[in-house]
Amino acid sequence: MFLEVGLGSGYGAAIVREIVGTDGLVVAIEIDPLTFEFAKRNVTSQ
């Protein structure tokens, strides 16, 4: 399990997701709605 607080661009969460694989869990928390939407677009635009 990996917890990231303040995900920013989402890059760190995406990298950790590759490291932990499909059996791992990555939880990223962002309180700023604009930053959250930015990161969400970055992570889901594959």
N, C-alpha and C. Protein backbone atom coordinates (compact mmCIF):
# COMPACT_ATOMS: atom_id res chain seq x y z
N MET A 1 0.84 -1.18 0.00
CA MET A 1 0.00 0.00 0.00
C MET A 1 0.88 1.23 0.00
N PHE A 2 0.48 2.23 -0.76
CA PHE A 2 1.23 3.48 -0.87
C PHE A 2 0.25 4.63 -0.74
N LEU A 3 0.55 5.59 0.12
CA LEU A 3 -0.29 6.78 0.30
C LEU A 3 0.49 8.00 -0.12
N GLU A 4 -0.10 8.79 -1.02
CA GLU A 4 0.52 10.05 -1.44
C GLU A 4 -0.44 11.17 -1.09
N VAL A 5 0.05 12.15 -0.36
CA VAL A 5 -0.75 13.31 0.03
C VAL A 5 -0.28 14.49 -0.79
N GLY A 6 -1.20 15.12 -1.50
CA GLY A 6 -0.86 16.22 -2.39
C GLY A 6 -0.31 15.69 -3.70
N LEU A 7 -1.20 15.18 -4.56
CA LEU A 7 -0.75 14.46 -5.74
C LEU A 7 -0.22 15.33 -6.85
N GLY A 8 -0.46 16.62 -6.85
CA GLY A 8 0.11 17.49 -7.88
C GLY A 8 -0.30 17.08 -9.27
N SER A 9 0.66 16.72 -10.11
CA SER A 9 0.36 16.37 -11.51
C SER A 9 -0.12 14.94 -11.67
N GLY A 10 0.02 14.10 -10.66
CA GLY A 10 -0.36 12.70 -10.75
C GLY A 10 0.78 11.80 -11.20
N TYR A 11 1.91 12.39 -11.55
CA TYR A 11 3.05 11.63 -12.05
C TYR A 11 3.56 10.63 -11.01
N GLY A 12 3.72 11.08 -9.78
CA GLY A 12 4.22 10.21 -8.72
C GLY A 12 3.30 9.02 -8.48
N ALA A 13 1.99 9.27 -8.46
CA ALA A 13 1.04 8.19 -8.25
C ALA A 13 1.08 7.21 -9.41
N ALA A 14 1.25 7.69 -10.63
CA ALA A 14 1.33 6.81 -11.79
C ALA A 14 2.58 5.93 -11.75
N ILE A 15 3.69 6.51 -11.35
CA ILE A 15 4.93 5.74 -11.24
C ILE A 15 4.82 4.67 -10.16
N VAL A 16 4.29 5.05 -9.01
CA VAL A 16 4.14 4.08 -7.92
C VAL A 16 3.18 2.97 -8.32
N ARG A 17 2.14 3.30 -9.09
CA ARG A 17 1.19 2.28 -9.56
C ARG A 17 1.92 1.23 -10.40
N GLU A 18 2.85 1.66 -11.21
CA GLU A 18 3.63 0.71 -12.00
C GLU A 18 4.51 -0.17 -11.11
N ILE A 19 5.01 0.41 -10.04
CA ILE A 19 5.89 -0.34 -9.12
C ILE A 19 5.10 -1.37 -8.32
N VAL A 20 3.95 -0.99 -7.77
CA VAL A 20 3.19 -1.91 -6.91
C VAL A 20 2.43 -2.95 -7.72
N GLY A 21 2.18 -2.70 -8.99
CA GLY A 21 1.50 -3.67 -9.83
C GLY A 21 0.01 -3.76 -9.56
N THR A 22 -0.61 -4.78 -10.17
CA THR A 22 -2.06 -4.91 -10.08
C THR A 22 -2.53 -5.39 -8.71
N ASP A 23 -1.65 -6.00 -7.92
CA ASP A 23 -2.05 -6.48 -6.60
C ASP A 23 -1.86 -5.43 -5.51
N GLY A 24 -1.18 -4.33 -5.82
CA GLY A 24 -0.93 -3.28 -4.85
C GLY A 24 -2.06 -2.27 -4.79
N LEU A 25 -1.94 -1.35 -3.87
CA LEU A 25 -2.94 -0.30 -3.70
C LEU A 25 -2.23 1.04 -3.60
N VAL A 26 -2.64 1.98 -4.42
CA VAL A 26 -2.11 3.34 -4.38
C VAL A 26 -3.27 4.27 -4.04
N VAL A 27 -3.10 5.07 -2.99
CA VAL A 27 -4.11 6.04 -2.59
C VAL A 27 -3.46 7.41 -2.67
N ALA A 28 -4.06 8.31 -3.46
CA ALA A 28 -3.54 9.67 -3.61
C ALA A 28 -4.63 10.65 -3.17
N ILE A 29 -4.24 11.62 -2.37
CA ILE A 29 -5.20 12.57 -1.81
C ILE A 29 -4.79 13.98 -2.22
N GLU A 30 -5.76 14.75 -2.73
CA GLU A 30 -5.53 16.15 -3.08
C GLU A 30 -6.75 16.94 -2.62
N ILE A 31 -6.53 18.06 -1.92
CA ILE A 31 -7.66 18.84 -1.42
C ILE A 31 -8.07 19.97 -2.37
N ASP A 32 -7.20 20.34 -3.28
CA ASP A 32 -7.51 21.42 -4.21
C ASP A 32 -8.23 20.85 -5.44
N PRO A 33 -9.46 21.24 -5.69
CA PRO A 33 -10.23 20.66 -6.80
C PRO A 33 -9.58 20.86 -8.18
N LEU A 34 -8.97 21.99 -8.43
CA LEU A 34 -8.32 22.23 -9.72
C LEU A 34 -7.12 21.32 -9.93
N THR A 35 -6.32 21.16 -8.89
CA THR A 35 -5.16 20.28 -8.97
C THR A 35 -5.60 18.83 -9.12
N PHE A 36 -6.67 18.47 -8.42
CA PHE A 36 -7.21 17.12 -8.55
C PHE A 36 -7.63 16.82 -9.98
N GLU A 37 -8.36 17.73 -10.60
CA GLU A 37 -8.83 17.52 -11.98
C GLU A 37 -7.65 17.44 -12.94
N PHE A 38 -6.63 18.27 -12.73
CA PHE A 38 -5.43 18.24 -13.56
C PHE A 38 -4.75 16.87 -13.46
N ALA A 39 -4.57 16.39 -12.24
CA ALA A 39 -3.93 15.09 -12.03
C ALA A 39 -4.78 13.96 -12.59
N LYS A 40 -6.09 14.05 -12.40
CA LYS A 40 -6.99 13.01 -12.90
C LYS A 40 -6.90 12.90 -14.41
N ARG A 41 -6.87 14.03 -15.10
CA ARG A 41 -6.73 14.02 -16.56
C ARG A 41 -5.38 13.41 -16.98
N ASN A 42 -4.33 13.73 -16.25
CA ASN A 42 -3.00 13.19 -16.57
C ASN A 42 -2.94 11.68 -16.39
N VAL A 43 -3.54 11.19 -15.31
CA VAL A 43 -3.44 9.76 -15.00
C VAL A 43 -4.35 8.94 -15.91
N THR A 44 -5.50 9.47 -16.29
CA THR A 44 -6.45 8.69 -17.09
C THR A 44 -6.29 8.88 -18.59
N SER A 45 -5.38 9.71 -19.04
CA SER A 45 -5.23 9.96 -20.48
C SER A 45 -4.19 9.05 -21.11
N GLN A 46 -4.41 7.76 -21.01
CA GLN A 46 -3.47 6.80 -21.57
C GLN A 46 -3.97 6.26 -22.88
